[in-house]
Amino acid sequence: MKHFLLALVLGLFMQTAWAADEETPENYVNYIELKPFLTNFGEPGKVSFVKCEITIQVSTPAAHHAVNFHMPQIRNDIVFLLSDQTEADMNSIEAQSVLAQKALKLVQNILVEEEGEAFVSDLFFTSFITQ
């Protein structure tokens, strides 16, 4: 019984020590993986599809909360952005990089409009498939 109480007390102190070692906001970096997107795109008469996965980089816990809070609007606007693209906008690495920058600006604009701050520092396509 004494060993159990000793272990319990030590465990409580160790949790306090771990809490003190948590990252401070200055070096906080976190990534939010969005659920995959699947939508059609392209010119009228020719239907093409894109499936992509997006990861958003944030640098504060408040940014993480803001992105999660506004996720429905972010997802909606990204779907419209993707569906508005042409085949030329999707087929090269350079075009996909431009599209990622457009998506980043879109997310930042939503957050500035809703929260007063851009919060998001980067946006990556972690998977990008067109058909």
N, C-alpha and C. Protein backbone atom coordinates (compact mmCIF):
# COMPACT_ATOMS: atom_id res chain seq x y z
N MET A 1 0.82 -1.18 0.00
CA MET A 1 0.00 0.00 0.00
C MET A 1 0.88 1.26 0.00
N LYS A 2 2.00 1.21 0.77
CA LYS A 2 2.89 2.36 0.83
C LYS A 2 3.50 2.64 -0.55
N HIS A 3 3.82 1.57 -1.26
CA HIS A 3 4.42 1.74 -2.60
C HIS A 3 3.41 2.36 -3.57
N PHE A 4 2.16 1.98 -3.42
CA PHE A 4 1.12 2.54 -4.28
C PHE A 4 0.97 4.04 -4.03
N LEU A 5 0.93 4.44 -2.77
CA LEU A 5 0.81 5.86 -2.44
C LEU A 5 2.02 6.64 -2.89
N LEU A 6 3.20 6.06 -2.75
CA LEU A 6 4.42 6.71 -3.19
C LEU A 6 4.39 6.91 -4.71
N ALA A 7 3.98 5.88 -5.42
CA ALA A 7 3.89 5.97 -6.88
C ALA A 7 2.85 7.02 -7.29
N LEU A 8 1.76 7.10 -6.60
CA LEU A 8 0.71 8.07 -6.90
C LEU A 8 1.22 9.48 -6.70
N VAL A 9 1.89 9.73 -5.59
CA VAL A 9 2.42 11.06 -5.29
C VAL A 9 3.49 11.45 -6.31
N LEU A 10 4.38 10.53 -6.62
CA LEU A 10 5.41 10.81 -7.62
C LEU A 10 4.78 11.09 -8.99
N GLY A 11 3.75 10.35 -9.30
CA GLY A 11 3.05 10.56 -10.57
C GLY A 11 2.45 11.94 -10.66
N LEU A 12 1.91 12.44 -9.59
CA LEU A 12 1.34 13.78 -9.57
C LEU A 12 2.42 14.84 -9.78
N PHE A 13 3.57 14.66 -9.13
CA PHE A 13 4.66 15.61 -9.30
C PHE A 13 5.22 15.56 -10.71
N MET A 14 5.29 14.38 -11.29
CA MET A 14 5.82 14.25 -12.65
C MET A 14 4.90 14.93 -13.65
N GLN A 15 3.59 14.86 -13.46
CA GLN A 15 2.67 15.54 -14.35
C GLN A 15 2.88 17.04 -14.29
N THR A 16 3.12 17.57 -13.12
CA THR A 16 3.40 18.99 -12.98
C THR A 16 4.67 19.37 -13.71
N ALA A 17 5.69 18.53 -13.62
CA ALA A 17 6.94 18.80 -14.32
C ALA A 17 6.73 18.75 -15.82
N TRP A 18 5.93 17.79 -16.30
CA TRP A 18 5.66 17.72 -17.75
C TRP A 18 4.88 18.94 -18.22
N ALA A 19 3.95 19.41 -17.41
CA ALA A 19 3.16 20.58 -17.78
C ALA A 19 4.07 21.80 -17.92
N ALA A 20 5.11 21.88 -17.10
CA ALA A 20 6.03 23.01 -17.18
C ALA A 20 6.86 22.96 -18.45
N ASP A 21 7.07 21.75 -19.01
CA ASP A 21 7.86 21.61 -20.22
C ASP A 21 7.05 21.80 -21.50
N GLU A 22 5.74 22.07 -21.41
CA GLU A 22 4.93 22.24 -22.61
C GLU A 22 5.44 23.40 -23.42
N GLU A 23 5.17 23.31 -24.74
CA GLU A 23 5.64 24.35 -25.64
C GLU A 23 4.99 25.69 -25.33
N THR A 24 5.77 26.72 -25.48
CA THR A 24 5.25 28.06 -25.31
C THR A 24 4.71 28.54 -26.65
N PRO A 25 3.85 29.53 -26.66
CA PRO A 25 3.30 30.02 -27.92
C PRO A 25 4.35 30.49 -28.92
N GLU A 26 5.54 30.89 -28.47
CA GLU A 26 6.57 31.37 -29.39
C GLU A 26 7.04 30.26 -30.34
N ASN A 27 7.10 29.02 -29.86
CA ASN A 27 7.59 27.94 -30.71
C ASN A 27 6.50 26.91 -31.00
N TYR A 28 5.26 27.29 -30.86
CA TYR A 28 4.14 26.40 -31.13
C TYR A 28 3.93 26.29 -32.64
N VAL A 29 3.97 25.09 -33.14
CA VAL A 29 3.63 24.83 -34.54
C VAL A 29 2.75 23.60 -34.55
N ASN A 30 1.64 23.71 -35.23
CA ASN A 30 0.72 22.59 -35.28
C ASN A 30 0.15 22.49 -36.69
N TYR A 31 -0.23 21.29 -37.05
CA TYR A 31 -0.80 21.05 -38.37
C TYR A 31 -2.19 20.48 -38.22
N ILE A 32 -3.11 20.99 -39.03
CA ILE A 32 -4.48 20.52 -39.03
C ILE A 32 -4.73 19.83 -40.36
N GLU A 33 -5.02 18.53 -40.30
CA GLU A 33 -5.31 17.79 -41.52
C GLU A 33 -6.80 17.85 -41.79
N LEU A 34 -7.16 18.37 -42.96
CA LEU A 34 -8.56 18.43 -43.33
C LEU A 34 -8.98 17.10 -43.93
N LYS A 35 -10.25 16.77 -43.78
CA LYS A 35 -10.77 15.56 -44.42
C LYS A 35 -10.60 15.71 -45.92
N PRO A 36 -10.43 14.59 -46.64
CA PRO A 36 -10.19 14.68 -48.09
C PRO A 36 -11.33 15.40 -48.83
N PHE A 37 -10.93 16.08 -49.89
CA PHE A 37 -11.87 16.77 -50.77
C PHE A 37 -12.02 15.94 -52.04
N LEU A 38 -13.24 15.83 -52.54
CA LEU A 38 -13.51 15.16 -53.81
C LEU A 38 -14.56 15.99 -54.53
N THR A 39 -14.19 16.55 -55.68
CA THR A 39 -15.13 17.38 -56.42
C THR A 39 -14.81 17.32 -57.91
N ASN A 40 -15.76 17.75 -58.71
CA ASN A 40 -15.53 17.84 -60.14
C ASN A 40 -15.00 19.23 -60.49
N PHE A 41 -14.37 19.32 -61.66
CA PHE A 41 -13.84 20.61 -62.12
C PHE A 41 -13.75 20.55 -63.64
N GLY A 42 -13.41 21.67 -64.24
CA GLY A 42 -13.14 21.70 -65.67
C GLY A 42 -14.15 22.49 -66.46
N GLU A 43 -13.94 22.43 -67.79
CA GLU A 43 -14.76 23.16 -68.72
C GLU A 43 -16.10 22.46 -68.91
N PRO A 44 -17.12 23.19 -69.35
CA PRO A 44 -18.42 22.57 -69.60
C PRO A 44 -18.30 21.47 -70.68
N GLY A 45 -19.00 20.39 -70.47
CA GLY A 45 -18.98 19.30 -71.42
C GLY A 45 -17.94 18.23 -71.13
N LYS A 46 -16.96 18.55 -70.34
CA LYS A 46 -15.93 17.58 -69.96
C LYS A 46 -15.83 17.56 -68.44
N VAL A 47 -16.17 16.45 -67.86
CA VAL A 47 -16.15 16.34 -66.41
C VAL A 47 -14.85 15.68 -65.97
N SER A 48 -14.15 16.35 -65.11
CA SER A 48 -12.94 15.81 -64.49
C SER A 48 -13.13 15.87 -62.99
N PHE A 49 -12.36 15.07 -62.28
CA PHE A 49 -12.48 15.02 -60.82
C PHE A 49 -11.12 15.27 -60.18
N VAL A 50 -11.16 15.84 -59.00
CA VAL A 50 -9.96 16.02 -58.20
C VAL A 50 -10.25 15.46 -56.80
N LYS A 51 -9.29 14.72 -56.31
CA LYS A 51 -9.32 14.28 -54.91
C LYS A 51 -8.02 14.77 -54.30
N CYS A 52 -8.14 15.53 -53.23
CA CYS A 52 -6.93 16.04 -52.59
C CYS A 52 -7.10 16.07 -51.08
N GLU A 53 -5.96 16.06 -50.43
CA GLU A 53 -5.91 16.20 -48.98
C GLU A 53 -5.09 17.45 -48.69
N ILE A 54 -5.56 18.21 -47.74
CA ILE A 54 -4.93 19.49 -47.40
C ILE A 54 -4.55 19.50 -45.93
N THR A 55 -3.38 20.04 -45.66
CA THR A 55 -2.93 20.25 -44.28
C THR A 55 -2.67 21.75 -44.10
N ILE A 56 -3.17 22.29 -43.00
CA ILE A 56 -3.01 23.71 -42.69
C ILE A 56 -2.05 23.85 -41.52
N GLN A 57 -1.10 24.77 -41.64
CA GLN A 57 -0.14 25.03 -40.56
C GLN A 57 -0.58 26.26 -39.78
N VAL A 58 -0.65 26.11 -38.46
CA VAL A 58 -0.97 27.22 -37.57
C VAL A 58 0.14 27.36 -36.54
N SER A 59 0.21 28.54 -35.93
CA SER A 59 1.33 28.77 -35.01
C SER A 59 0.92 29.09 -33.58
N THR A 60 -0.38 29.05 -33.30
CA THR A 60 -0.83 29.28 -31.92
C THR A 60 -2.04 28.38 -31.62
N PRO A 61 -2.24 28.10 -30.35
CA PRO A 61 -3.46 27.35 -30.00
C PRO A 61 -4.74 28.10 -30.40
N ALA A 62 -4.72 29.43 -30.32
CA ALA A 62 -5.90 30.22 -30.72
C ALA A 62 -6.17 30.04 -32.21
N ALA A 63 -5.11 29.96 -33.02
CA ALA A 63 -5.27 29.74 -34.46
C ALA A 63 -5.88 28.37 -34.72
N HIS A 64 -5.42 27.38 -33.99
CA HIS A 64 -5.96 26.03 -34.12
C HIS A 64 -7.46 26.04 -33.83
N HIS A 65 -7.84 26.70 -32.77
CA HIS A 65 -9.25 26.79 -32.40
C HIS A 65 -10.05 27.54 -33.47
N ALA A 66 -9.52 28.64 -33.98
CA ALA A 66 -10.24 29.44 -34.98
C ALA A 66 -10.47 28.64 -36.26
N VAL A 67 -9.45 27.90 -36.71
CA VAL A 67 -9.60 27.09 -37.92
C VAL A 67 -10.65 26.01 -37.70
N ASN A 68 -10.60 25.33 -36.58
CA ASN A 68 -11.59 24.29 -36.31
C ASN A 68 -13.00 24.86 -36.18
N PHE A 69 -13.12 26.03 -35.59
CA PHE A 69 -14.42 26.66 -35.41
C PHE A 69 -15.06 27.02 -36.75
N HIS A 70 -14.24 27.48 -37.69
CA HIS A 70 -14.74 27.92 -39.00
C HIS A 70 -14.55 26.87 -40.09
N MET A 71 -14.31 25.62 -39.70
CA MET A 71 -14.05 24.55 -40.66
C MET A 71 -15.15 24.37 -41.70
N PRO A 72 -16.44 24.43 -41.35
CA PRO A 72 -17.46 24.27 -42.39
C PRO A 72 -17.34 25.31 -43.52
N GLN A 73 -17.13 26.56 -43.17
CA GLN A 73 -16.98 27.60 -44.19
C GLN A 73 -15.69 27.42 -44.97
N ILE A 74 -14.61 27.04 -44.31
CA ILE A 74 -13.33 26.80 -44.98
C ILE A 74 -13.48 25.68 -45.99
N ARG A 75 -14.07 24.57 -45.58
CA ARG A 75 -14.26 23.43 -46.49
C ARG A 75 -15.15 23.82 -47.68
N ASN A 76 -16.24 24.52 -47.41
CA ASN A 76 -17.15 24.94 -48.46
C ASN A 76 -16.42 25.80 -49.51
N ASP A 77 -15.68 26.79 -49.05
CA ASP A 77 -15.02 27.70 -49.98
C ASP A 77 -13.89 27.00 -50.74
N ILE A 78 -13.20 26.05 -50.12
CA ILE A 78 -12.16 25.30 -50.84
C ILE A 78 -12.80 24.42 -51.91
N VAL A 79 -13.94 23.81 -51.63
CA VAL A 79 -14.63 23.01 -52.65
C VAL A 79 -14.98 23.89 -53.86
N PHE A 80 -15.51 25.08 -53.61
CA PHE A 80 -15.83 25.98 -54.72
C PHE A 80 -14.58 26.42 -55.47
N LEU A 81 -13.50 26.66 -54.75
CA LEU A 81 -12.23 27.01 -55.41
C LEU A 81 -11.76 25.88 -56.32
N LEU A 82 -11.78 24.66 -55.81
CA LEU A 82 -11.34 23.51 -56.60
C LEU A 82 -12.23 23.29 -57.82
N SER A 83 -13.54 23.40 -57.64
CA SER A 83 -14.45 23.14 -58.75
C SER A 83 -14.41 24.23 -59.80
N ASP A 84 -13.87 25.37 -59.48
CA ASP A 84 -13.77 26.49 -60.42
C ASP A 84 -12.52 26.41 -61.31
N GLN A 85 -11.66 25.44 -61.10
CA GLN A 85 -10.40 25.34 -61.82
C GLN A 85 -10.59 24.68 -63.19
N THR A 86 -9.65 24.95 -64.09
CA THR A 86 -9.61 24.29 -65.39
C THR A 86 -8.57 23.18 -65.34
N GLU A 87 -8.53 22.39 -66.38
CA GLU A 87 -7.54 21.32 -66.43
C GLU A 87 -6.12 21.87 -66.38
N ALA A 88 -5.89 23.01 -67.04
CA ALA A 88 -4.56 23.63 -67.02
C ALA A 88 -4.16 24.08 -65.62
N ASP A 89 -5.16 24.41 -64.79
CA ASP A 89 -4.90 24.85 -63.41
C ASP A 89 -4.53 23.70 -62.50
N MET A 90 -4.68 22.46 -62.98
CA MET A 90 -4.51 21.30 -62.10
C MET A 90 -3.38 20.36 -62.53
N ASN A 91 -2.90 20.46 -63.76
CA ASN A 91 -2.06 19.40 -64.31
C ASN A 91 -0.56 19.52 -64.07
N SER A 92 -0.07 20.63 -63.61
CA SER A 92 1.38 20.74 -63.38
C SER A 92 1.65 21.06 -61.92
N ILE A 93 2.86 20.79 -61.52
CA ILE A 93 3.27 21.09 -60.14
C ILE A 93 3.20 22.58 -59.87
N GLU A 94 3.63 23.38 -60.85
CA GLU A 94 3.60 24.84 -60.68
C GLU A 94 2.16 25.33 -60.52
N ALA A 95 1.25 24.77 -61.32
CA ALA A 95 -0.16 25.17 -61.23
C ALA A 95 -0.74 24.77 -59.88
N GLN A 96 -0.37 23.60 -59.39
CA GLN A 96 -0.85 23.16 -58.09
C GLN A 96 -0.30 24.04 -56.97
N SER A 97 0.93 24.51 -57.14
CA SER A 97 1.52 25.41 -56.16
C SER A 97 0.76 26.74 -56.14
N VAL A 98 0.40 27.24 -57.31
CA VAL A 98 -0.40 28.47 -57.39
C VAL A 98 -1.76 28.24 -56.74
N LEU A 99 -2.36 27.09 -57.00
CA LEU A 99 -3.65 26.75 -56.40
C LEU A 99 -3.55 26.69 -54.87
N ALA A 100 -2.46 26.13 -54.37
CA ALA A 100 -2.26 26.08 -52.91
C ALA A 100 -2.17 27.49 -52.33
N GLN A 101 -1.51 28.40 -53.04
CA GLN A 101 -1.42 29.79 -52.57
C GLN A 101 -2.80 30.46 -52.58
N LYS A 102 -3.60 30.16 -53.61
CA LYS A 102 -4.96 30.69 -53.66
C LYS A 102 -5.78 30.16 -52.49
N ALA A 103 -5.64 28.88 -52.20
CA ALA A 103 -6.38 28.28 -51.09
C ALA A 103 -5.93 28.88 -49.76
N LEU A 104 -4.63 29.11 -49.61
CA LEU A 104 -4.11 29.74 -48.39
C LEU A 104 -4.72 31.13 -48.21
N LYS A 105 -4.71 31.93 -49.27
CA LYS A 105 -5.29 33.28 -49.18
C LYS A 105 -6.77 33.22 -48.87
N LEU A 106 -7.46 32.24 -49.45
CA LEU A 106 -8.89 32.07 -49.19
C LEU A 106 -9.13 31.80 -47.71
N VAL A 107 -8.38 30.87 -47.13
CA VAL A 107 -8.54 30.53 -45.71
C VAL A 107 -8.17 31.73 -44.84
N GLN A 108 -7.09 32.40 -45.18
CA GLN A 108 -6.70 33.58 -44.40
C GLN A 108 -7.76 34.67 -44.46
N ASN A 109 -8.35 34.88 -45.65
CA ASN A 109 -9.40 35.90 -45.78
C ASN A 109 -10.63 35.56 -44.95
N ILE A 110 -11.01 34.28 -44.92
CA ILE A 110 -12.14 33.86 -44.09
C ILE A 110 -11.85 34.19 -42.63
N LEU A 111 -10.65 33.84 -42.17
CA LEU A 111 -10.32 34.05 -40.76
C LEU A 111 -10.18 35.53 -40.42
N VAL A 112 -9.67 36.34 -41.34
CA VAL A 112 -9.59 37.79 -41.09
C VAL A 112 -11.00 38.36 -40.99
N GLU A 113 -11.88 37.92 -41.88
CA GLU A 113 -13.26 38.40 -41.87
C GLU A 113 -14.00 37.99 -40.59
N GLU A 114 -13.79 36.77 -40.15
CA GLU A 114 -14.53 36.24 -39.00
C GLU A 114 -13.86 36.51 -37.66
N GLU A 115 -12.52 36.50 -37.65
CA GLU A 115 -11.79 36.59 -36.37
C GLU A 115 -10.93 37.84 -36.24
N GLY A 116 -10.69 38.54 -37.36
CA GLY A 116 -9.85 39.74 -37.32
C GLY A 116 -8.37 39.46 -37.46
N GLU A 117 -8.00 38.20 -37.68
CA GLU A 117 -6.59 37.82 -37.83
C GLU A 117 -6.50 36.63 -38.78
N ALA A 118 -5.41 36.58 -39.58
CA ALA A 118 -5.26 35.53 -40.59
C ALA A 118 -4.98 34.16 -39.98
N PHE A 119 -4.24 34.10 -38.90
CA PHE A 119 -3.95 32.88 -38.14
C PHE A 119 -3.17 31.80 -38.89
N VAL A 120 -3.48 31.49 -40.13
CA VAL A 120 -2.88 30.37 -40.85
C VAL A 120 -1.58 30.83 -41.50
N SER A 121 -0.49 30.07 -41.26
CA SER A 121 0.80 30.46 -41.82
C SER A 121 1.14 29.73 -43.11
N ASP A 122 0.55 28.55 -43.36
CA ASP A 122 0.82 27.85 -44.62
C ASP A 122 -0.25 26.80 -44.87
N LEU A 123 -0.33 26.37 -46.13
CA LEU A 123 -1.28 25.36 -46.54
C LEU A 123 -0.59 24.46 -47.54
N PHE A 124 -0.74 23.15 -47.36
CA PHE A 124 -0.06 22.17 -48.21
C PHE A 124 -1.07 21.18 -48.78
N PHE A 125 -0.85 20.79 -50.04
CA PHE A 125 -1.55 19.63 -50.58
C PHE A 125 -0.70 18.42 -50.21
N THR A 126 -1.22 17.54 -49.39
CA THR A 126 -0.46 16.34 -49.02
C THR A 126 -0.78 15.18 -49.96
N SER A 127 -1.85 15.34 -50.73
CA SER A 127 -2.21 14.37 -51.76
C SER A 127 -3.00 15.13 -52.81
N PHE A 128 -2.75 14.84 -54.09
CA PHE A 128 -3.44 15.57 -55.15
C PHE A 128 -3.57 14.65 -56.36
N ILE A 129 -4.79 14.21 -56.64
CA ILE A 129 -5.04 13.28 -57.74
C ILE A 129 -6.13 13.87 -58.61
N THR A 130 -5.88 13.92 -59.93
CA THR A 130 -6.90 14.35 -60.88
C THR A 130 -7.21 13.21 -61.83
N GLN A 131 -8.44 13.22 -62.33
CA GLN A 131 -8.84 12.19 -63.30
C GLN A 131 -9.81 12.80 -64.28
